[in-house]
């Protein structure tokens, strides 16, 4: 399967309001919820038409969705979109090609002067931006913020 979905399609979908943001899985629904929630990578899976299957699990007291990679159908991904989702998009991926990355500038603040210093680039997974929450779920990026980063990193001239 060749991916014909672009990063522009992903950015537009993240901003559309059509998808409810979730964490911990590409696509999930608790037993008492009417709608599915999605990781930003799960939105890309939906757009690209990658085959999926729902699997019961206690983790969400309902079920989550696994998406399959055409090259490794026996290895479904639950937390990261499979590599065939990113093929042809221009998105940087990990060495295995299975984890989407965004290169962000790395800054640190000098504790004595308060100056903000650029210290090169740091690659961060889309999934970690979606789910980031050391003790505070408000730390996770919104779909709009993730869309902004994708635009900045990959779609700006």
N, C-alpha and C. Protein backbone atom coordinates (compact mmCIF):
# COMPACT_ATOMS: atom_id res chain seq x y z
N UNK A 1 0.84 -1.18 0.00
CA UNK A 1 0.00 0.00 0.00
C UNK A 1 0.88 1.24 0.00
N UNK A 2 0.65 2.14 -0.91
CA UNK A 2 1.38 3.39 -0.97
C UNK A 2 0.56 4.47 -0.27
N UNK A 3 1.20 5.21 0.58
CA UNK A 3 0.51 6.26 1.31
C UNK A 3 0.35 7.48 0.41
N UNK A 4 -0.88 7.91 0.21
CA UNK A 4 -1.13 9.10 -0.61
C UNK A 4 -1.58 10.28 0.26
N UNK A 5 -1.49 10.12 1.57
CA UNK A 5 -1.87 11.18 2.48
C UNK A 5 -0.66 12.05 2.77
N UNK A 6 -0.85 13.34 2.80
CA UNK A 6 0.25 14.26 3.04
C UNK A 6 0.22 14.77 4.48
N UNK A 7 1.31 15.39 4.87
CA UNK A 7 1.34 16.00 6.19
C UNK A 7 0.34 17.15 6.27
N UNK A 8 0.07 17.80 5.15
CA UNK A 8 -0.95 18.86 5.12
C UNK A 8 -2.31 18.26 5.48
N UNK A 9 -2.61 17.04 4.97
CA UNK A 9 -3.87 16.36 5.31
C UNK A 9 -3.94 16.10 6.82
N UNK A 10 -2.80 15.69 7.40
CA UNK A 10 -2.76 15.43 8.84
C UNK A 10 -3.00 16.71 9.62
N UNK A 11 -2.31 17.78 9.25
CA UNK A 11 -2.48 19.07 9.93
C UNK A 11 -3.93 19.52 9.87
N UNK A 12 -4.53 19.42 8.69
CA UNK A 12 -5.93 19.83 8.53
C UNK A 12 -6.86 18.97 9.39
N UNK A 13 -6.61 17.66 9.44
CA UNK A 13 -7.44 16.76 10.24
C UNK A 13 -7.30 17.05 11.73
N UNK A 14 -6.07 17.33 12.19
CA UNK A 14 -5.86 17.63 13.61
C UNK A 14 -6.60 18.90 14.02
N UNK A 15 -6.73 19.83 13.10
CA UNK A 15 -7.41 21.09 13.41
C UNK A 15 -8.92 21.03 13.15
N UNK A 16 -9.40 19.96 12.56
CA UNK A 16 -10.79 19.89 12.10
C UNK A 16 -11.82 19.79 13.22
N UNK A 17 -11.41 19.29 14.38
CA UNK A 17 -12.37 19.05 15.46
C UNK A 17 -13.10 17.72 15.31
N UNK A 18 -12.80 16.99 14.26
CA UNK A 18 -13.45 15.70 14.01
C UNK A 18 -12.95 14.61 14.95
N UNK A 19 -11.71 14.75 15.43
CA UNK A 19 -11.10 13.70 16.25
C UNK A 19 -10.94 14.16 17.69
N UNK A 20 -11.35 13.30 18.63
CA UNK A 20 -11.16 13.56 20.05
C UNK A 20 -9.78 13.09 20.45
N UNK A 21 -9.03 13.93 21.13
CA UNK A 21 -7.67 13.58 21.52
C UNK A 21 -7.67 12.62 22.71
N UNK A 22 -6.88 11.58 22.58
CA UNK A 22 -6.69 10.62 23.66
C UNK A 22 -5.20 10.39 23.87
N UNK A 23 -4.85 9.56 24.82
CA UNK A 23 -3.45 9.23 25.10
C UNK A 23 -3.31 7.73 25.29
N UNK A 24 -2.10 7.24 25.09
CA UNK A 24 -1.78 5.86 25.40
C UNK A 24 -2.09 4.84 24.33
N UNK A 25 -2.77 5.23 23.28
CA UNK A 25 -3.12 4.31 22.20
C UNK A 25 -3.44 5.11 20.95
N UNK A 26 -3.26 4.48 19.81
CA UNK A 26 -3.56 5.16 18.54
C UNK A 26 -5.04 5.47 18.42
N UNK A 27 -5.89 4.54 18.82
CA UNK A 27 -7.35 4.72 18.75
C UNK A 27 -7.94 3.85 19.85
N UNK A 28 -8.75 4.45 20.72
CA UNK A 28 -9.28 3.69 21.86
C UNK A 28 -10.65 4.19 22.25
N UNK A 29 -11.38 3.33 22.92
CA UNK A 29 -12.69 3.71 23.44
C UNK A 29 -12.94 2.93 24.72
N UNK A 30 -13.23 3.63 25.78
CA UNK A 30 -13.61 2.97 27.02
C UNK A 30 -15.02 2.45 26.88
N UNK A 31 -15.36 1.45 27.67
CA UNK A 31 -16.67 0.80 27.58
C UNK A 31 -17.82 1.79 27.77
N UNK A 32 -17.61 2.81 28.62
CA UNK A 32 -18.69 3.76 28.90
C UNK A 32 -18.67 5.00 28.00
N UNK A 33 -17.80 5.02 26.99
CA UNK A 33 -17.71 6.16 26.09
C UNK A 33 -18.36 5.85 24.75
N UNK A 34 -18.96 6.86 24.15
CA UNK A 34 -19.62 6.68 22.86
C UNK A 34 -18.66 6.86 21.69
N UNK A 35 -17.64 7.68 21.88
CA UNK A 35 -16.74 8.02 20.79
C UNK A 35 -15.34 7.47 21.02
N UNK A 36 -14.62 7.26 19.94
CA UNK A 36 -13.22 6.89 20.01
C UNK A 36 -12.38 8.12 20.31
N UNK A 37 -11.26 7.93 20.97
CA UNK A 37 -10.26 8.97 21.11
C UNK A 37 -9.03 8.54 20.32
N UNK A 38 -8.23 9.51 19.92
CA UNK A 38 -7.09 9.24 19.03
C UNK A 38 -5.83 9.93 19.52
N UNK A 39 -4.72 9.28 19.30
CA UNK A 39 -3.40 9.92 19.34
C UNK A 39 -3.26 10.64 18.00
N UNK A 40 -2.41 11.64 17.91
CA UNK A 40 -2.21 12.32 16.62
C UNK A 40 -1.73 11.33 15.56
N UNK A 41 -0.95 10.32 15.96
CA UNK A 41 -0.51 9.30 15.00
C UNK A 41 -1.67 8.40 14.58
N UNK A 42 -2.62 8.19 15.47
CA UNK A 42 -3.82 7.42 15.13
C UNK A 42 -4.66 8.14 14.09
N UNK A 43 -4.68 9.48 14.16
CA UNK A 43 -5.38 10.26 13.15
C UNK A 43 -4.73 10.01 11.79
N UNK A 44 -3.40 9.99 11.74
CA UNK A 44 -2.71 9.72 10.48
C UNK A 44 -3.02 8.30 9.97
N UNK A 45 -3.12 7.35 10.89
CA UNK A 45 -3.49 5.98 10.49
C UNK A 45 -4.87 5.97 9.84
N UNK A 46 -5.81 6.68 10.45
CA UNK A 46 -7.16 6.75 9.91
C UNK A 46 -7.16 7.35 8.51
N UNK A 47 -6.42 8.44 8.34
CA UNK A 47 -6.36 9.11 7.05
C UNK A 47 -5.74 8.22 5.97
N UNK A 48 -4.71 7.46 6.36
CA UNK A 48 -4.00 6.66 5.36
C UNK A 48 -4.67 5.35 5.03
N UNK A 49 -5.70 4.97 5.77
CA UNK A 49 -6.42 3.75 5.45
C UNK A 49 -5.66 2.48 5.77
N UNK A 50 -4.73 2.53 6.71
CA UNK A 50 -3.98 1.35 7.11
C UNK A 50 -4.95 0.36 7.76
N UNK A 51 -4.86 -0.91 7.42
CA UNK A 51 -5.77 -1.90 8.02
C UNK A 51 -5.70 -1.89 9.55
N UNK A 52 -6.83 -2.09 10.19
CA UNK A 52 -6.88 -2.07 11.64
C UNK A 52 -7.79 -3.17 12.16
N UNK A 53 -7.64 -3.47 13.45
CA UNK A 53 -8.51 -4.43 14.11
C UNK A 53 -8.67 -3.99 15.56
N UNK A 54 -9.87 -4.06 16.10
CA UNK A 54 -10.11 -3.72 17.50
C UNK A 54 -9.79 -4.93 18.36
N UNK A 55 -9.16 -4.69 19.48
CA UNK A 55 -8.76 -5.77 20.38
C UNK A 55 -9.24 -5.43 21.79
N UNK A 56 -9.92 -6.37 22.45
CA UNK A 56 -10.36 -6.15 23.83
C UNK A 56 -9.15 -6.07 24.75
N UNK A 57 -9.26 -5.20 25.75
CA UNK A 57 -8.19 -5.08 26.72
C UNK A 57 -8.73 -4.47 28.00
N UNK A 58 -8.16 -4.84 29.12
CA UNK A 58 -8.54 -4.24 30.40
C UNK A 58 -7.91 -2.86 30.57
N UNK A 59 -6.85 -2.58 29.81
CA UNK A 59 -6.12 -1.33 29.97
C UNK A 59 -7.04 -0.12 29.82
N UNK A 60 -7.97 -0.18 28.90
CA UNK A 60 -8.87 0.93 28.68
C UNK A 60 -10.30 0.61 29.11
N UNK A 61 -10.49 -0.53 29.77
CA UNK A 61 -11.83 -0.95 30.16
C UNK A 61 -12.76 -0.88 28.95
N UNK A 62 -12.26 -1.33 27.84
CA UNK A 62 -13.00 -1.30 26.59
C UNK A 62 -12.13 -1.94 25.53
N UNK A 63 -11.77 -1.18 24.51
CA UNK A 63 -10.85 -1.74 23.53
C UNK A 63 -10.06 -0.66 22.83
N UNK A 64 -8.95 -1.09 22.26
CA UNK A 64 -8.11 -0.20 21.49
C UNK A 64 -7.92 -0.80 20.11
N UNK A 65 -7.37 -0.03 19.22
CA UNK A 65 -7.21 -0.46 17.84
C UNK A 65 -5.74 -0.68 17.52
N UNK A 66 -5.46 -1.77 16.85
CA UNK A 66 -4.11 -2.03 16.33
C UNK A 66 -4.14 -1.77 14.83
N UNK A 67 -3.09 -1.14 14.34
CA UNK A 67 -2.95 -0.89 12.90
C UNK A 67 -1.80 -1.74 12.39
N UNK A 68 -1.94 -2.24 11.17
CA UNK A 68 -0.96 -3.18 10.64
C UNK A 68 -0.09 -2.57 9.57
N UNK A 69 1.17 -2.93 9.61
CA UNK A 69 2.13 -2.54 8.59
C UNK A 69 2.14 -3.63 7.53
N UNK A 70 2.07 -3.25 6.27
CA UNK A 70 2.04 -4.23 5.19
C UNK A 70 3.30 -5.11 5.16
N UNK A 71 4.41 -4.60 5.70
CA UNK A 71 5.65 -5.36 5.68
C UNK A 71 5.78 -6.31 6.86
N UNK A 72 5.14 -5.99 7.96
CA UNK A 72 5.21 -6.84 9.15
C UNK A 72 3.82 -7.01 9.75
N UNK A 73 2.91 -7.67 9.02
CA UNK A 73 1.53 -7.78 9.49
C UNK A 73 1.37 -8.51 10.81
N UNK A 74 2.36 -9.30 11.19
CA UNK A 74 2.24 -10.01 12.46
C UNK A 74 2.66 -9.13 13.63
N UNK A 75 3.15 -7.92 13.36
CA UNK A 75 3.60 -7.03 14.41
C UNK A 75 2.76 -5.76 14.43
N UNK A 76 1.53 -5.83 14.90
CA UNK A 76 0.69 -4.63 14.92
C UNK A 76 1.20 -3.61 15.92
N UNK A 77 1.05 -2.36 15.57
CA UNK A 77 1.47 -1.28 16.47
C UNK A 77 0.26 -0.79 17.25
N UNK A 78 0.46 -0.52 18.52
CA UNK A 78 -0.61 -0.03 19.37
C UNK A 78 -0.37 1.43 19.73
N UNK A 79 0.88 1.78 20.02
CA UNK A 79 1.19 3.13 20.47
C UNK A 79 1.82 4.02 19.42
N UNK A 80 2.39 3.42 18.40
CA UNK A 80 3.01 4.17 17.31
C UNK A 80 2.43 3.71 15.99
N UNK A 81 2.24 4.65 15.07
CA UNK A 81 1.75 4.29 13.74
C UNK A 81 2.79 3.44 13.03
N UNK A 82 2.38 2.42 12.30
CA UNK A 82 3.34 1.60 11.57
C UNK A 82 4.02 2.40 10.46
N UNK A 83 5.18 1.90 10.04
CA UNK A 83 6.03 2.67 9.11
C UNK A 83 5.33 3.03 7.80
N UNK A 84 4.43 2.19 7.30
CA UNK A 84 3.81 2.49 6.01
C UNK A 84 2.93 3.73 6.07
N UNK A 85 2.59 4.21 7.25
CA UNK A 85 1.83 5.43 7.39
C UNK A 85 2.67 6.65 7.02
N UNK A 86 3.97 6.58 7.28
CA UNK A 86 4.84 7.75 7.08
C UNK A 86 5.57 7.74 5.75
N UNK A 87 5.55 6.62 5.02
CA UNK A 87 6.25 6.53 3.74
C UNK A 87 5.74 7.61 2.79
N UNK A 88 6.65 8.36 2.23
CA UNK A 88 6.31 9.37 1.24
C UNK A 88 5.82 10.69 1.79
N UNK A 89 5.74 10.83 3.12
CA UNK A 89 5.24 12.09 3.69
C UNK A 89 6.35 13.11 3.92
N UNK A 90 7.59 12.65 3.97
CA UNK A 90 8.70 13.54 4.29
C UNK A 90 8.93 13.66 5.78
N UNK A 91 8.12 12.97 6.58
CA UNK A 91 8.27 13.01 8.02
C UNK A 91 9.52 12.25 8.43
N UNK A 92 10.33 12.84 9.28
CA UNK A 92 11.50 12.16 9.82
C UNK A 92 11.00 11.01 10.69
N UNK A 93 11.66 9.87 10.61
CA UNK A 93 11.28 8.73 11.46
C UNK A 93 12.51 8.19 12.17
N UNK A 94 12.28 7.32 13.13
CA UNK A 94 13.38 6.67 13.83
C UNK A 94 14.12 5.74 12.87
N UNK A 95 15.21 5.17 13.31
CA UNK A 95 16.02 4.31 12.45
C UNK A 95 15.22 3.12 11.92
N UNK A 96 14.26 2.64 12.67
CA UNK A 96 13.45 1.51 12.22
C UNK A 96 12.37 1.97 11.24
N UNK A 97 12.18 3.27 11.14
CA UNK A 97 11.16 3.81 10.25
C UNK A 97 9.77 3.75 10.83
N UNK A 98 9.65 3.36 12.08
CA UNK A 98 8.33 3.13 12.66
C UNK A 98 7.85 4.22 13.60
N UNK A 99 8.71 5.16 13.95
CA UNK A 99 8.32 6.18 14.90
C UNK A 99 8.51 7.56 14.28
N UNK A 100 7.44 8.33 14.17
CA UNK A 100 7.51 9.66 13.57
C UNK A 100 8.15 10.63 14.54
N UNK A 101 9.01 11.50 14.00
CA UNK A 101 9.77 12.42 14.82
C UNK A 101 9.58 13.86 14.32
N UNK A 102 9.66 14.79 15.23
CA UNK A 102 9.71 16.20 14.88
C UNK A 102 10.98 16.77 15.50
N UNK A 103 11.78 17.44 14.68
CA UNK A 103 13.00 18.06 15.20
C UNK A 103 12.64 19.43 15.74
N UNK A 104 12.91 19.62 17.01
CA UNK A 104 12.61 20.88 17.67
C UNK A 104 13.89 21.53 18.17
N UNK A 105 13.94 22.85 18.18
CA UNK A 105 15.11 23.51 18.75
C UNK A 105 15.19 23.24 20.25
N UNK A 106 16.39 23.00 20.72
CA UNK A 106 16.62 22.72 22.14
C UNK A 106 17.22 23.96 22.80
N UNK A 107 16.54 24.47 23.79
CA UNK A 107 17.00 25.66 24.51
C UNK A 107 17.19 25.32 25.98
N UNK A 108 18.04 26.05 26.63
CA UNK A 108 18.15 25.96 28.08
C UNK A 108 18.32 27.38 28.63
N UNK A 109 17.87 27.56 29.85
CA UNK A 109 17.95 28.88 30.49
C UNK A 109 19.10 28.87 31.49
N UNK A 110 19.99 29.84 31.34
CA UNK A 110 21.10 30.00 32.27
C UNK A 110 20.53 30.45 33.62
N UNK A 111 20.79 29.66 34.65
CA UNK A 111 20.20 29.95 35.97
C UNK A 111 20.77 31.22 36.60
N UNK A 112 21.95 31.66 36.15
CA UNK A 112 22.54 32.87 36.73
C UNK A 112 22.10 34.13 36.01
N UNK A 113 22.09 34.09 34.67
CA UNK A 113 21.77 35.29 33.90
C UNK A 113 20.32 35.32 33.43
N UNK A 114 19.68 34.15 33.37
CA UNK A 114 18.32 34.07 32.86
C UNK A 114 18.25 34.03 31.35
N UNK A 115 19.42 34.07 30.69
CA UNK A 115 19.45 34.04 29.22
C UNK A 115 19.00 32.69 28.68
N UNK A 116 18.29 32.75 27.58
CA UNK A 116 17.85 31.55 26.88
C UNK A 116 18.88 31.24 25.80
N UNK A 117 19.45 30.04 25.82
CA UNK A 117 20.52 29.68 24.91
C UNK A 117 20.11 28.53 24.02
N UNK A 118 20.29 28.71 22.70
CA UNK A 118 20.03 27.65 21.74
C UNK A 118 21.14 26.61 21.85
N UNK A 119 20.76 25.33 21.92
CA UNK A 119 21.75 24.27 22.11
C UNK A 119 21.55 23.15 21.10
N UNK A 120 21.23 23.50 19.87
CA UNK A 120 21.09 22.49 18.83
C UNK A 120 19.66 22.00 18.69
N UNK A 121 19.53 20.81 18.13
CA UNK A 121 18.22 20.26 17.81
C UNK A 121 17.96 18.99 18.58
N UNK A 122 16.71 18.75 18.88
CA UNK A 122 16.30 17.57 19.62
C UNK A 122 15.15 16.91 18.86
N UNK A 123 15.26 15.63 18.59
CA UNK A 123 14.18 14.91 17.92
C UNK A 123 13.22 14.34 18.96
N UNK A 124 11.93 14.61 18.76
CA UNK A 124 10.89 14.19 19.70
C UNK A 124 9.83 13.43 18.92
N UNK A 125 9.32 12.35 19.49
CA UNK A 125 8.28 11.59 18.79
C UNK A 125 6.95 12.34 18.87
N UNK A 126 6.15 12.20 17.82
CA UNK A 126 4.81 12.79 17.86
C UNK A 126 4.00 12.20 19.01
N UNK A 127 4.15 10.90 19.22
CA UNK A 127 3.39 10.24 20.30
C UNK A 127 3.74 10.82 21.66
N UNK A 128 5.02 11.14 21.89
CA UNK A 128 5.39 11.69 23.20
C UNK A 128 4.84 13.10 23.37
N UNK A 129 4.78 13.89 22.30
CA UNK A 129 4.16 15.22 22.39
C UNK A 129 2.68 15.07 22.71
N UNK A 130 2.04 14.10 22.09
CA UNK A 130 0.61 13.84 22.30
C UNK A 130 0.33 13.43 23.74
N UNK A 131 1.22 12.60 24.31
CA UNK A 131 0.95 11.98 25.62
C UNK A 131 1.70 12.60 26.78
N UNK A 132 2.67 13.47 26.55
CA UNK A 132 3.57 13.97 27.59
C UNK A 132 2.81 14.41 28.83
N UNK A 133 3.19 13.82 29.97
CA UNK A 133 2.48 14.15 31.19
C UNK A 133 3.22 13.72 32.44
N UNK A 134 4.40 14.24 32.68
CA UNK A 134 5.00 13.91 33.98
C UNK A 134 4.18 14.53 35.10
N UNK A 135 3.28 13.77 35.63
CA UNK A 135 2.43 14.13 36.77
C UNK A 135 1.37 15.18 36.47
N UNK A 136 1.29 15.68 35.23
CA UNK A 136 0.29 16.70 34.93
C UNK A 136 -0.19 16.57 33.49
N UNK A 137 -1.41 16.09 33.28
CA UNK A 137 -1.90 15.89 31.92
C UNK A 137 -1.99 17.18 31.11
N UNK A 138 -1.97 18.34 31.76
CA UNK A 138 -2.00 19.60 31.03
C UNK A 138 -0.71 19.86 30.27
N UNK A 139 0.34 19.07 30.54
CA UNK A 139 1.61 19.24 29.85
C UNK A 139 1.58 18.68 28.43
N UNK A 140 0.63 17.81 28.12
CA UNK A 140 0.54 17.23 26.78
C UNK A 140 0.15 18.32 25.78
N UNK A 141 0.64 18.17 24.56
CA UNK A 141 0.32 19.12 23.51
C UNK A 141 -1.09 18.87 22.99
N UNK A 142 -1.78 19.91 22.60
CA UNK A 142 -3.09 19.78 21.98
C UNK A 142 -2.89 19.40 20.51
N UNK A 143 -3.95 18.96 19.85
CA UNK A 143 -3.86 18.69 18.41
C UNK A 143 -3.46 19.95 17.64
N UNK A 144 -3.97 21.11 18.03
CA UNK A 144 -3.60 22.35 17.36
C UNK A 144 -2.11 22.65 17.51
N UNK A 145 -1.57 22.43 18.70
CA UNK A 145 -0.14 22.67 18.92
C UNK A 145 0.71 21.69 18.12
N UNK A 146 0.28 20.43 18.05
CA UNK A 146 1.02 19.44 17.25
C UNK A 146 0.96 19.82 15.78
N UNK A 147 -0.20 20.26 15.31
CA UNK A 147 -0.34 20.71 13.92
C UNK A 147 0.60 21.88 13.65
N UNK A 148 0.69 22.82 14.59
CA UNK A 148 1.60 23.96 14.45
C UNK A 148 3.04 23.49 14.30
N UNK A 149 3.45 22.53 15.12
CA UNK A 149 4.83 22.03 15.06
C UNK A 149 5.12 21.32 13.75
N UNK A 150 4.18 20.52 13.26
CA UNK A 150 4.37 19.83 11.98
C UNK A 150 4.49 20.86 10.86
N UNK A 151 3.65 21.87 10.90
CA UNK A 151 3.74 22.93 9.89
C UNK A 151 5.08 23.62 9.94
N UNK A 152 5.50 23.98 11.15
CA UNK A 152 6.77 24.69 11.31
C UNK A 152 7.94 23.83 10.85
N UNK A 153 7.95 22.55 11.26
CA UNK A 153 9.08 21.69 10.98
C UNK A 153 9.13 21.17 9.54
N UNK A 154 7.96 20.96 8.92
CA UNK A 154 7.95 20.28 7.64
C UNK A 154 7.24 21.03 6.50
N UNK A 155 6.38 21.98 6.81
CA UNK A 155 5.56 22.56 5.75
C UNK A 155 5.83 24.04 5.51
N UNK A 156 6.69 24.65 6.31
CA UNK A 156 6.98 26.06 6.09
C UNK A 156 8.14 26.20 5.10
N UNK A 157 8.12 27.29 4.38
CA UNK A 157 9.17 27.51 3.36
C UNK A 157 10.41 28.12 3.95
